[in-house]
Amino acid sequence: MRFGTGRALFFGDSRGAGADNASMTIFYWVMAVLILGTFVPSAFYLILYVITGEDGCARRARKLFMYTRLFTMFGINILIWGHVIVGLWRIWFGR
């Protein structure tokens, strides 16, 4: 038995099903689109506020940046707790 083979079997690396999880790939893409889709307009409105001094642009930039932070924290929490749950599942039920 080679070094590390037991770990590879435990974590599913050598069975071909370990690293690629299609549903999480979709989740990461959706979160990236949501985060960038709110951050880029927020930066645009911030630049408009700096140029024009309109208070509406500042309010919109602040609100969009609030959503950017919300989506970012949500994505990071799902990432962390997803790994915790999968790890506990593999410890308790052995895959």
Protein backbone atom coordinates (compact mmCIF):
# COMPACT_ATOMS: atom_id res chain seq x y z
CA MET A 1 0.00 0.00 0.00
CA ARG A 2 1.45 3.34 -1.05
CA PHE A 3 1.77 6.29 1.28
CA GLY A 4 -1.40 8.39 1.28
CA THR A 5 -3.61 5.81 -0.42
CA GLY A 6 -5.85 5.44 2.62
CA ARG A 7 -6.37 9.18 2.78
CA ALA A 8 -7.14 9.31 -0.93
CA LEU A 9 -9.76 6.59 -0.56
CA PHE A 10 -11.25 8.28 2.51
CA PHE A 11 -11.64 11.63 0.80
CA GLY A 12 -12.63 10.15 -2.56
CA ASP A 13 -9.65 11.57 -4.46
CA SER A 14 -8.71 8.37 -6.24
CA ARG A 15 -12.25 7.31 -7.18
CA GLY A 16 -12.71 10.14 -9.63
CA ALA A 17 -15.49 11.80 -7.63
CA GLY A 18 -13.48 13.85 -5.15
CA ALA A 19 -12.59 17.28 -6.44
CA ASP A 20 -15.25 18.10 -9.03
CA ASN A 21 -18.70 18.81 -7.65
CA ALA A 22 -20.95 20.22 -10.37
CA SER A 23 -23.53 21.78 -8.05
CA MET A 24 -20.86 23.69 -6.11
CA THR A 25 -19.27 24.86 -9.35
CA ILE A 26 -22.64 26.31 -10.36
CA PHE A 27 -22.99 27.89 -6.90
CA TYR A 28 -19.54 29.52 -7.19
CA TRP A 29 -20.37 30.92 -10.62
CA VAL A 30 -23.72 32.29 -9.44
CA MET A 31 -22.08 33.91 -6.41
CA ALA A 32 -19.32 35.39 -8.58
CA VAL A 33 -21.91 36.88 -10.94
CA LEU A 34 -23.93 38.30 -8.02
CA ILE A 35 -20.87 39.76 -6.32
CA LEU A 36 -19.39 41.28 -9.45
CA GLY A 37 -22.85 42.31 -10.67
CA THR A 38 -23.29 44.49 -7.60
CA PHE A 39 -19.70 45.60 -7.08
CA VAL A 40 -19.08 46.99 -10.59
CA PRO A 41 -22.19 49.22 -10.60
CA SER A 42 -21.36 50.32 -7.06
CA ALA A 43 -17.91 51.44 -8.17
CA PHE A 44 -19.46 53.14 -11.22
CA TYR A 45 -21.91 55.10 -9.07
CA LEU A 46 -19.15 56.01 -6.63
CA ILE A 47 -17.14 57.46 -9.53
CA LEU A 48 -20.26 59.32 -10.71
CA TYR A 49 -20.72 60.72 -7.19
CA VAL A 50 -17.10 61.90 -7.09
CA ILE A 51 -17.50 63.59 -10.49
CA THR A 52 -20.99 65.08 -10.10
CA GLY A 53 -21.56 65.32 -6.34
CA GLU A 54 -25.12 63.94 -6.68
CA ASP A 55 -26.40 62.47 -3.42
CA GLY A 56 -28.49 59.91 -5.31
CA CYS A 57 -25.35 58.37 -6.77
CA ALA A 58 -23.81 58.06 -3.30
CA ARG A 59 -26.94 56.39 -1.91
CA ARG A 60 -27.07 53.95 -4.81
CA ALA A 61 -23.35 53.15 -4.52
CA ARG A 62 -23.72 52.54 -0.78
CA LYS A 63 -26.75 50.26 -1.25
CA LEU A 64 -25.12 48.25 -4.04
CA PHE A 65 -21.97 47.85 -1.96
CA MET A 66 -24.12 46.64 0.93
CA TYR A 67 -25.48 43.89 -1.35
CA THR A 68 -21.95 43.09 -2.50
CA ARG A 69 -20.89 42.51 1.11
CA LEU A 70 -24.04 40.48 1.79
CA PHE A 71 -23.44 38.15 -1.17
CA THR A 72 -19.75 37.82 -0.32
CA MET A 73 -20.39 36.89 3.31
CA PHE A 74 -23.17 34.49 2.29
CA GLY A 75 -20.89 32.74 -0.20
CA ILE A 76 -18.05 32.44 2.29
CA ASN A 77 -20.37 31.07 4.97
CA ILE A 78 -21.78 28.46 2.60
CA LEU A 79 -18.23 27.54 1.57
CA ILE A 80 -17.01 27.11 5.16
CA TRP A 81 -20.07 25.37 6.61
CA GLY A 82 -20.41 23.19 3.53
CA HIS A 83 -16.90 21.88 4.11
CA VAL A 84 -17.66 21.34 7.81
CA ILE A 85 -20.83 19.39 7.07
CA VAL A 86 -19.19 17.26 4.37
CA GLY A 87 -16.23 16.56 6.66
CA LEU A 88 -18.47 15.51 9.53
CA TRP A 89 -20.56 13.37 7.20
CA ARG A 90 -17.44 11.57 5.97
CA ILE A 91 -16.17 11.08 9.54
CA TRP A 92 -19.48 9.72 10.86
CA PHE A 93 -20.64 7.67 7.90
CA GLY A 94 -17.31 6.84 6.26
CA ARG A 95 -18.39 8.16 2.88
